[in-house]
């Protein structure tokens, strides 16, 4: 994934914005990345990737899947989440 491709697809937040936010704001919890244009607050798919970026001293060096693989994995994740049936009662 290059820096201009969307990391958070729900809110159209690209990797470059997230990395810049991490550098400037120095968040200590992944949830704080939501302040970066809402990243991670939609479907939840990008949260593990956001965490990977945040945990590295040099987030730009983190290797993420290429865009096509990322999009396909996200689609599969969303399909799986949609098919989860809520449990009703005991």
PDB file of N, CA and C in Angstrom:
ATOM      1  N   UNK A   1       0.852  -1.175   0.000  1.00  0.00           N
ATOM      2  CA  UNK A   1       0.000   0.000   0.000  1.00  0.00           C
ATOM      3  C   UNK A   1       0.897   1.236   0.000  1.00  0.00           C
ATOM      4  N   UNK A   2       0.611   2.137  -0.910  1.00  0.00           N
ATOM      5  CA  UNK A   2       1.408   3.365  -0.915  1.00  0.00           C
ATOM      6  C   UNK A   2       0.751   4.413  -0.012  1.00  0.00           C
ATOM      7  N   UNK A   3       1.448   5.489   0.234  1.00  0.00           N
ATOM      8  CA  UNK A   3       0.998   6.488   1.203  1.00  0.00           C
ATOM      9  C   UNK A   3      -0.291   7.207   0.824  1.00  0.00           C
ATOM     10  N   UNK A   4      -0.642   7.229  -0.454  1.00  0.00           N
ATOM     11  CA  UNK A   4      -1.841   7.945  -0.877  1.00  0.00           C
ATOM     12  C   UNK A   4      -3.074   7.052  -0.993  1.00  0.00           C
ATOM     13  N   UNK A   5      -2.924   5.772  -0.698  1.00  0.00           N
ATOM     14  CA  UNK A   5      -4.076   4.869  -0.747  1.00  0.00           C
ATOM     15  C   UNK A   5      -4.791   4.878   0.600  1.00  0.00           C
ATOM     16  N   UNK A   6      -6.092   4.619   0.541  1.00  0.00           N
ATOM     17  CA  UNK A   6      -6.921   4.691   1.742  1.00  0.00           C
ATOM     18  C   UNK A   6      -6.621   3.549   2.701  1.00  0.00           C
ATOM     19  N   UNK A   7      -6.291   3.921   3.912  1.00  0.00           N
ATOM     20  CA  UNK A   7      -6.109   2.953   4.981  1.00  0.00           C
ATOM     21  C   UNK A   7      -7.453   2.728   5.670  1.00  0.00           C
ATOM     22  N   UNK A   8      -8.151   3.811   5.960  1.00  0.00           N
ATOM     23  CA  UNK A   8      -9.510   3.729   6.493  1.00  0.00           C
ATOM     24  C   UNK A   8     -10.449   4.033   5.326  1.00  0.00           C
ATOM     25  N   UNK A   9     -11.014   2.980   4.780  1.00  0.00           N
ATOM     26  CA  UNK A   9     -11.859   3.115   3.592  1.00  0.00           C
ATOM     27  C   UNK A   9     -13.184   3.794   3.947  1.00  0.00           C
ATOM     28  N   UNK A  10     -13.713   3.515   5.116  1.00  0.00           N
ATOM     29  CA  UNK A  10     -14.997   4.101   5.517  1.00  0.00           C
ATOM     30  C   UNK A  10     -14.968   5.633   5.498  1.00  0.00           C
ATOM     31  N   UNK A  11     -13.851   6.202   5.959  1.00  0.00           N
ATOM     32  CA  UNK A  11     -13.759   7.657   6.068  1.00  0.00           C
ATOM     33  C   UNK A  11     -12.722   8.256   5.121  1.00  0.00           C
ATOM     34  N   UNK A  12     -12.254   7.449   4.182  1.00  0.00           N
ATOM     35  CA  UNK A  12     -11.326   7.911   3.136  1.00  0.00           C
ATOM     36  C   UNK A  12     -10.077   8.577   3.720  1.00  0.00           C
ATOM     37  N   UNK A  13      -9.484   7.926   4.715  1.00  0.00           N
ATOM     38  CA  UNK A  13      -8.263   8.438   5.346  1.00  0.00           C
ATOM     39  C   UNK A  13      -7.086   7.650   4.783  1.00  0.00           C
ATOM     40  N   UNK A  14      -6.176   8.355   4.121  1.00  0.00           N
ATOM     41  CA  UNK A  14      -5.053   7.634   3.522  1.00  0.00           C
ATOM     42  C   UNK A  14      -3.922   7.419   4.530  1.00  0.00           C
ATOM     43  N   UNK A  15      -3.033   6.541   4.145  1.00  0.00           N
ATOM     44  CA  UNK A  15      -1.909   6.165   5.006  1.00  0.00           C
ATOM     45  C   UNK A  15      -1.056   7.386   5.372  1.00  0.00           C
ATOM     46  N   UNK A  16      -0.840   8.266   4.430  1.00  0.00           N
ATOM     47  CA  UNK A  16      -0.016   9.462   4.674  1.00  0.00           C
ATOM     48  C   UNK A  16      -0.600  10.314   5.810  1.00  0.00           C
ATOM     49  N   UNK A  17      -1.925  10.515   5.812  1.00  0.00           N
ATOM     50  CA  UNK A  17      -2.563  11.314   6.862  1.00  0.00           C
ATOM     51  C   UNK A  17      -2.366  10.671   8.232  1.00  0.00           C
ATOM     52  N   UNK A  18      -2.520   9.347   8.279  1.00  0.00           N
ATOM     53  CA  UNK A  18      -2.369   8.637   9.552  1.00  0.00           C
ATOM     54  C   UNK A  18      -0.935   8.759  10.064  1.00  0.00           C
ATOM     55  N   UNK A  19       0.034   8.551   9.181  1.00  0.00           N
ATOM     56  CA  UNK A  19       1.441   8.641   9.584  1.00  0.00           C
ATOM     57  C   UNK A  19       1.767  10.053  10.070  1.00  0.00           C
ATOM     58  N   UNK A  20       1.281  11.053   9.369  1.00  0.00           N
ATOM     59  CA  UNK A  20       1.530  12.442   9.786  1.00  0.00           C
ATOM     60  C   UNK A  20       0.885  12.721  11.137  1.00  0.00           C
ATOM     61  N   UNK A  21      -0.322  12.220  11.338  1.00  0.00           N
ATOM     62  CA  UNK A  21      -1.004  12.403  12.617  1.00  0.00           C
ATOM     63  C   UNK A  21      -0.192  11.762  13.744  1.00  0.00           C
ATOM     64  N   UNK A  22       0.309  10.554  13.507  1.00  0.00           N
ATOM     65  CA  UNK A  22       1.113   9.853  14.515  1.00  0.00           C
ATOM     66  C   UNK A  22       2.370  10.657  14.849  1.00  0.00           C
ATOM     67  N   UNK A  23       3.024  11.179  13.848  1.00  0.00           N
ATOM     68  CA  UNK A  23       4.254  11.968  14.070  1.00  0.00           C
ATOM     69  C   UNK A  23       3.990  13.235  14.882  1.00  0.00           C
ATOM     70  N   UNK A  24       2.918  13.925  14.544  1.00  0.00           N
ATOM     71  CA  UNK A  24       2.635  15.216  15.177  1.00  0.00           C
ATOM     72  C   UNK A  24       1.996  15.050  16.556  1.00  0.00           C
ATOM     73  N   UNK A  25       0.975  14.214  16.643  1.00  0.00           N
ATOM     74  CA  UNK A  25       0.189  14.100  17.877  1.00  0.00           C
ATOM     75  C   UNK A  25       0.741  13.086  18.875  1.00  0.00           C
ATOM     76  N   UNK A  26       1.525  12.126  18.405  1.00  0.00           N
ATOM     77  CA  UNK A  26       2.117  11.088  19.254  1.00  0.00           C
ATOM     78  C   UNK A  26       1.076  10.409  20.159  1.00  0.00           C
ATOM     79  N   UNK A  27       0.050   9.805  19.557  1.00  0.00           N
ATOM     80  CA  UNK A  27      -0.986   9.152  20.361  1.00  0.00           C
ATOM     81  C   UNK A  27      -0.402   7.988  21.161  1.00  0.00           C
ATOM     82  N   UNK A  28      -0.984   7.732  22.317  1.00  0.00           N
ATOM     83  CA  UNK A  28      -0.523   6.627  23.159  1.00  0.00           C
ATOM     84  C   UNK A  28      -1.464   5.433  23.110  1.00  0.00           C
ATOM     85  N   UNK A  29      -2.658   5.628  22.558  1.00  0.00           N
ATOM     86  CA  UNK A  29      -3.635   4.544  22.406  1.00  0.00           C
ATOM     87  C   UNK A  29      -4.182   4.565  20.985  1.00  0.00           C
ATOM     88  N   UNK A  30      -4.458   3.387  20.467  1.00  0.00           N
ATOM     89  CA  UNK A  30      -4.983   3.279  19.103  1.00  0.00           C
ATOM     90  C   UNK A  30      -6.282   4.062  18.964  1.00  0.00           C
ATOM     91  N   UNK A  31      -7.101   4.063  19.996  1.00  0.00           N
ATOM     92  CA  UNK A  31      -8.384   4.773  19.926  1.00  0.00           C
ATOM     93  C   UNK A  31      -8.201   6.263  19.651  1.00  0.00           C
ATOM     94  N   UNK A  32      -7.053   6.821  20.002  1.00  0.00           N
ATOM     95  CA  UNK A  32      -6.802   8.240  19.753  1.00  0.00           C
ATOM     96  C   UNK A  32      -6.655   8.541  18.265  1.00  0.00           C
ATOM     97  N   UNK A  33      -6.392   7.522  17.467  1.00  0.00           N
ATOM     98  CA  UNK A  33      -6.282   7.739  16.026  1.00  0.00           C
ATOM     99  C   UNK A  33      -7.627   8.102  15.406  1.00  0.00           C
ATOM    100  N   UNK A  34      -8.711   7.894  16.145  1.00  0.00           N
ATOM    101  CA  UNK A  34     -10.031   8.288  15.636  1.00  0.00           C
ATOM    102  C   UNK A  34     -10.102   9.799  15.428  1.00  0.00           C
ATOM    103  N   UNK A  35      -9.243  10.532  16.107  1.00  0.00           N
ATOM    104  CA  UNK A  35      -9.198  11.982  15.940  1.00  0.00           C
ATOM    105  C   UNK A  35      -8.583  12.378  14.601  1.00  0.00           C
ATOM    106  N   UNK A  36      -8.036  11.410  13.897  1.00  0.00           N
ATOM    107  CA  UNK A  36      -7.465  11.649  12.567  1.00  0.00           C
ATOM    108  C   UNK A  36      -8.558  11.377  11.532  1.00  0.00           C
ATOM    109  N   UNK A  37      -9.458  12.321  11.369  1.00  0.00           N
ATOM    110  CA  UNK A  37     -10.538  12.244  10.383  1.00  0.00           C
ATOM    111  C   UNK A  37     -11.448  11.032  10.580  1.00  0.00           C
ATOM    112  N   UNK A  38     -11.556  10.526  11.807  1.00  0.00           N
ATOM    113  CA  UNK A  38     -12.450   9.408  12.105  1.00  0.00           C
ATOM    114  C   UNK A  38     -11.865   8.038  11.820  1.00  0.00           C
ATOM    115  N   UNK A  39     -10.580   7.955  11.539  1.00  0.00           N
ATOM    116  CA  UNK A  39      -9.957   6.668  11.193  1.00  0.00           C
ATOM    117  C   UNK A  39     -10.249   5.611  12.251  1.00  0.00           C
ATOM    118  N   UNK A  40     -10.692   4.450  11.794  1.00  0.00           N
ATOM    119  CA  UNK A  40     -10.931   3.322  12.679  1.00  0.00           C
ATOM    120  C   UNK A  40     -12.291   3.273  13.330  1.00  0.00           C
ATOM    121  N   UNK A  41     -13.164   4.239  13.051  1.00  0.00           N
ATOM    122  CA  UNK A  41     -14.457   4.280  13.739  1.00  0.00           C
ATOM    123  C   UNK A  41     -15.612   3.737  12.910  1.00  0.00           C
ATOM    124  N   UNK A  42     -15.340   3.286  11.700  1.00  0.00           N
ATOM    125  CA  UNK A  42     -16.399   2.740  10.847  1.00  0.00           C
ATOM    126  C   UNK A  42     -16.549   1.246  11.072  1.00  0.00           C
ATOM    127  N   UNK A  43     -16.187   0.478  10.076  1.00  0.00           N
ATOM    128  CA  UNK A  43     -16.375  -0.977  10.128  1.00  0.00           C
ATOM    129  C   UNK A  43     -15.375  -1.682  11.039  1.00  0.00           C
ATOM    130  N   UNK A  44     -14.254  -1.042  11.346  1.00  0.00           N
ATOM    131  CA  UNK A  44     -13.265  -1.633  12.242  1.00  0.00           C
ATOM    132  C   UNK A  44     -12.149  -2.397  11.558  1.00  0.00           C
ATOM    133  N   UNK A  45     -12.260  -2.613  10.261  1.00  0.00           N
ATOM    134  CA  UNK A  45     -11.260  -3.384   9.528  1.00  0.00           C
ATOM    135  C   UNK A  45      -9.855  -2.804   9.679  1.00  0.00           C
ATOM    136  N   UNK A  46      -9.704  -1.510   9.655  1.00  0.00           N
ATOM    137  CA  UNK A  46      -8.375  -0.892   9.635  1.00  0.00           C
ATOM    138  C   UNK A  46      -7.707  -0.817  11.006  1.00  0.00           C
ATOM    139  N   UNK A  47      -8.418  -1.094  12.077  1.00  0.00           N
ATOM    140  CA  UNK A  47      -7.839  -0.925  13.418  1.00  0.00           C
ATOM    141  C   UNK A  47      -6.538  -1.689  13.640  1.00  0.00           C
ATOM    142  N   UNK A  48      -6.437  -2.965  13.238  1.00  0.00           N
ATOM    143  CA  UNK A  48      -5.153  -3.666  13.428  1.00  0.00           C
ATOM    144  C   UNK A  48      -4.010  -3.013  12.647  1.00  0.00           C
ATOM    145  N   UNK A  49      -4.308  -2.462  11.479  1.00  0.00           N
ATOM    146  CA  UNK A  49      -3.286  -1.804  10.669  1.00  0.00           C
ATOM    147  C   UNK A  49      -2.892  -0.461  11.290  1.00  0.00           C
ATOM    148  N   UNK A  50      -3.873   0.250  11.824  1.00  0.00           N
ATOM    149  CA  UNK A  50      -3.586   1.500  12.528  1.00  0.00           C
ATOM    150  C   UNK A  50      -2.671   1.222  13.721  1.00  0.00           C
ATOM    151  N   UNK A  51      -2.970   0.142  14.428  1.00  0.00           N
ATOM    152  CA  UNK A  51      -2.158  -0.241  15.589  1.00  0.00           C
ATOM    153  C   UNK A  51      -0.721  -0.538  15.169  1.00  0.00           C
ATOM    154  N   UNK A  52      -0.554  -1.258  14.063  1.00  0.00           N
ATOM    155  CA  UNK A  52       0.795  -1.557  13.572  1.00  0.00           C
ATOM    156  C   UNK A  52       1.574  -0.274  13.313  1.00  0.00           C
ATOM    157  N   UNK A  53       0.944   0.687  12.677  1.00  0.00           N
ATOM    158  CA  UNK A  53       1.615   1.953  12.374  1.00  0.00           C
ATOM    159  C   UNK A  53       1.975   2.705  13.653  1.00  0.00           C
ATOM    160  N   UNK A  54       1.053   2.717  14.600  1.00  0.00           N
ATOM    161  CA  UNK A  54       1.259   3.475  15.820  1.00  0.00           C
ATOM    162  C   UNK A  54       2.370   2.888  16.687  1.00  0.00           C
ATOM    163  N   UNK A  55       2.519   1.577  16.666  1.00  0.00           N
ATOM    164  CA  UNK A  55       3.480   0.918  17.552  1.00  0.00           C
ATOM    165  C   UNK A  55       4.924   1.002  17.071  1.00  0.00           C
ATOM    166  N   UNK A  56       5.145   1.442  15.860  1.00  0.00           N
ATOM    167  CA  UNK A  56       6.508   1.510  15.319  1.00  0.00           C
ATOM    168  C   UNK A  56       7.088   2.911  15.470  1.00  0.00           C
ATOM    169  N   UNK A  57       8.376   2.959  15.736  1.00  0.00           N
ATOM    170  CA  UNK A  57       9.055   4.247  15.833  1.00  0.00           C
ATOM    171  C   UNK A  57       9.042   4.966  14.484  1.00  0.00           C
ATOM    172  N   UNK A  58       9.128   4.188  13.403  1.00  0.00           N
ATOM    173  CA  UNK A  58       9.094   4.738  12.043  1.00  0.00           C
ATOM    174  C   UNK A  58       7.907   4.115  11.306  1.00  0.00           C
ATOM    175  N   UNK A  59       6.708   4.679  11.478  1.00  0.00           N
ATOM    176  CA  UNK A  59       5.513   4.064  10.894  1.00  0.00           C
ATOM    177  C   UNK A  59       5.558   3.937   9.375  1.00  0.00           C
ATOM    178  N   UNK A  60       6.327   4.795   8.711  1.00  0.00           N
ATOM    179  CA  UNK A  60       6.404   4.720   7.252  1.00  0.00           C
ATOM    180  C   UNK A  60       7.082   3.439   6.784  1.00  0.00           C
ATOM    181  N   UNK A  61       7.803   2.752   7.676  1.00  0.00           N
ATOM    182  CA  UNK A  61       8.496   1.518   7.293  1.00  0.00           C
ATOM    183  C   UNK A  61       7.614   0.274   7.410  1.00  0.00           C
ATOM    184  N   UNK A  62       6.423   0.411   7.981  1.00  0.00           N
ATOM    185  CA  UNK A  62       5.521  -0.731   8.143  1.00  0.00           C
ATOM    186  C   UNK A  62       5.007  -1.177   6.780  1.00  0.00           C
ATOM    187  N   UNK A  63       5.142  -2.454   6.513  1.00  0.00           N
ATOM    188  CA  UNK A  63       4.655  -3.023   5.257  1.00  0.00           C
ATOM    189  C   UNK A  63       3.202  -3.458   5.431  1.00  0.00           C
ATOM    190  N   UNK A  64       2.327  -2.876   4.654  1.00  0.00           N
ATOM    191  CA  UNK A  64       0.920  -3.256   4.652  1.00  0.00           C
ATOM    192  C   UNK A  64       0.617  -3.938   3.327  1.00  0.00           C
ATOM    193  N   UNK A  65      -0.472  -4.710   3.273  1.00  0.00           N
ATOM    194  CA  UNK A  65      -0.815  -5.388   2.012  1.00  0.00           C
ATOM    195  C   UNK A  65      -0.984  -4.389   0.868  1.00  0.00           C
ATOM    196  N   UNK A  66      -0.758  -4.863  -0.355  1.00  0.00           N
ATOM    197  CA  UNK A  66      -1.008  -3.991  -1.502  1.00  0.00           C
ATOM    198  C   UNK A  66      -2.493  -3.659  -1.540  1.00  0.00           C
ATOM    199  N   UNK A  67      -2.832  -2.620  -2.262  1.00  0.00           N
ATOM    200  CA  UNK A  67      -4.193  -2.088  -2.263  1.00  0.00           C
ATOM    201  C   UNK A  67      -5.248  -3.128  -2.643  1.00  0.00           C
ATOM    202  N   UNK A  68      -4.977  -3.908  -3.677  1.00  0.00           N
ATOM    203  CA  UNK A  68      -5.962  -4.897  -4.124  1.00  0.00           C
ATOM    204  C   UNK A  68      -6.196  -5.958  -3.051  1.00  0.00           C
ATOM    205  N   UNK A  69      -5.130  -6.465  -2.462  1.00  0.00           N
ATOM    206  CA  UNK A  69      -5.254  -7.465  -1.395  1.00  0.00           C
ATOM    207  C   UNK A  69      -5.997  -6.873  -0.205  1.00  0.00           C
ATOM    208  N   UNK A  70      -5.645  -5.650   0.166  1.00  0.00           N
ATOM    209  CA  UNK A  70      -6.271  -4.970   1.297  1.00  0.00           C
ATOM    210  C   UNK A  70      -7.778  -4.840   1.070  1.00  0.00           C
ATOM    211  N   UNK A  71      -8.162  -4.388  -0.113  1.00  0.00           N
ATOM    212  CA  UNK A  71      -9.584  -4.214  -0.432  1.00  0.00           C
ATOM    213  C   UNK A  71     -10.325  -5.551  -0.417  1.00  0.00           C
ATOM    214  N   UNK A  72      -9.707  -6.591  -0.965  1.00  0.00           N
ATOM    215  CA  UNK A  72     -10.338  -7.916  -0.985  1.00  0.00           C
ATOM    216  C   UNK A  72     -10.507  -8.468   0.423  1.00  0.00           C
ATOM    217  N   UNK A  73      -9.489  -8.316   1.260  1.00  0.00           N
ATOM    218  CA  UNK A  73      -9.578  -8.793   2.640  1.00  0.00           C
ATOM    219  C   UNK A  73     -10.643  -8.014   3.406  1.00  0.00           C
ATOM    220  N   UNK A  74     -10.738  -6.723   3.159  1.00  0.00           N
ATOM    221  CA  UNK A  74     -11.755  -5.902   3.819  1.00  0.00           C
ATOM    222  C   UNK A  74     -13.153  -6.340   3.392  1.00  0.00           C
ATOM    223  N   UNK A  75     -13.334  -6.595   2.103  1.00  0.00           N
ATOM    224  CA  UNK A  75     -14.631  -7.054   1.615  1.00  0.00           C
ATOM    225  C   UNK A  75     -15.021  -8.366   2.300  1.00  0.00           C
ATOM    226  N   UNK A  76     -14.078  -9.303   2.401  1.00  0.00           N
ATOM    227  CA  UNK A  76     -14.351 -10.583   3.060  1.00  0.00           C
ATOM    228  C   UNK A  76     -14.709 -10.379   4.531  1.00  0.00           C
ATOM    229  N   UNK A  77     -13.998  -9.482   5.192  1.00  0.00           N
ATOM    230  CA  UNK A  77     -14.259  -9.166   6.597  1.00  0.00           C
ATOM    231  C   UNK A  77     -15.673  -8.615   6.757  1.00  0.00           C
ATOM    232  N   UNK A  78     -16.030  -7.663   5.915  1.00  0.00           N
ATOM    233  CA  UNK A  78     -17.363  -7.055   6.012  1.00  0.00           C
ATOM    234  C   UNK A  78     -18.463  -8.067   5.720  1.00  0.00           C
ATOM    235  N   UNK A  79     -18.243  -8.946   4.744  1.00  0.00           N
ATOM    236  CA  UNK A  79     -19.226  -9.992   4.447  1.00  0.00           C
ATOM    237  C   UNK A  79     -19.411 -10.905   5.654  1.00  0.00           C
ATOM    238  N   UNK A  80     -18.314 -11.250   6.295  1.00  0.00           N
ATOM    239  CA  UNK A  80     -18.370 -12.126   7.465  1.00  0.00           C
ATOM    240  C   UNK A  80     -19.115 -11.446   8.612  1.00  0.00           C
ATOM    241  N   UNK A  81     -18.817 -10.179   8.855  1.00  0.00           N
ATOM    242  CA  UNK A  81     -19.465  -9.432   9.934  1.00  0.00           C
ATOM    243  C   UNK A  81     -20.964  -9.303   9.673  1.00  0.00           C
ATOM    244  N   UNK A  82     -21.340  -9.084   8.434  1.00  0.00           N
ATOM    245  CA  UNK A  82     -22.769  -8.948   8.098  1.00  0.00           C
ATOM    246  C   UNK A  82     -23.544 -10.234   8.350  1.00  0.00           C
ATOM    247  N   UNK A  83     -22.879 -11.375   8.258  1.00  0.00           N
ATOM    248  CA  UNK A  83     -23.552 -12.662   8.414  1.00  0.00           C
ATOM    249  C   UNK A  83     -23.623 -13.146   9.853  1.00  0.00           C
ATOM    250  N   UNK A  84     -23.084 -12.382  10.791  1.00  0.00           N
ATOM    251  CA  UNK A  84     -23.162 -12.766  12.201  1.00  0.00           C
ATOM    252  C   UNK A  84     -24.564 -12.455  12.705  1.00  0.00           C
ATOM    253  N   UNK A  85     -25.209 -13.470  13.236  1.00  0.00           N
ATOM    254  CA  UNK A  85     -26.567 -13.313  13.757  1.00  0.00           C
ATOM    255  C   UNK A  85     -26.500 -12.999  15.254  1.00  0.00           C
ATOM    256  N   UNK A  86     -27.256 -12.014  15.703  1.00  0.00           N
ATOM    257  CA  UNK A  86     -27.250 -11.700  17.136  1.00  0.00           C
ATOM    258  C   UNK A  86     -27.890 -12.823  17.943  1.00  0.00           C
ATOM    259  N   UNK A  87     -27.341 -13.065  19.136  1.00  0.00           N
ATOM    260  CA  UNK A  87     -27.939 -14.058  20.035  1.00  0.00           C
ATOM    261  C   UNK A  87     -29.077 -13.403  20.791  1.00  0.00           C
ATOM    262  N   UNK A  88     -30.196 -14.059  20.803  1.00  0.00           N
ATOM    263  CA  UNK A  88     -31.361 -13.528  21.506  1.00  0.00           C
ATOM    264  C   UNK A  88     -31.678 -14.419  22.691  1.00  0.00           C
ATOM    265  N   UNK A  89     -31.475 -13.892  23.863  1.00  0.00           N
ATOM    266  CA  UNK A  89     -31.822 -14.600  25.084  1.00  0.00           C
ATOM    267  C   UNK A  89     -31.014 -15.859  25.332  1.00  0.00           C
ATOM    268  N   UNK A  90     -31.294 -16.527  26.462  1.00  0.00           N
ATOM    269  CA  UNK A  90     -30.564 -17.748  26.837  1.00  0.00           C
ATOM    270  C   UNK A  90     -30.945 -18.966  26.033  1.00  0.00           C
TER     271      UNK A  90
END
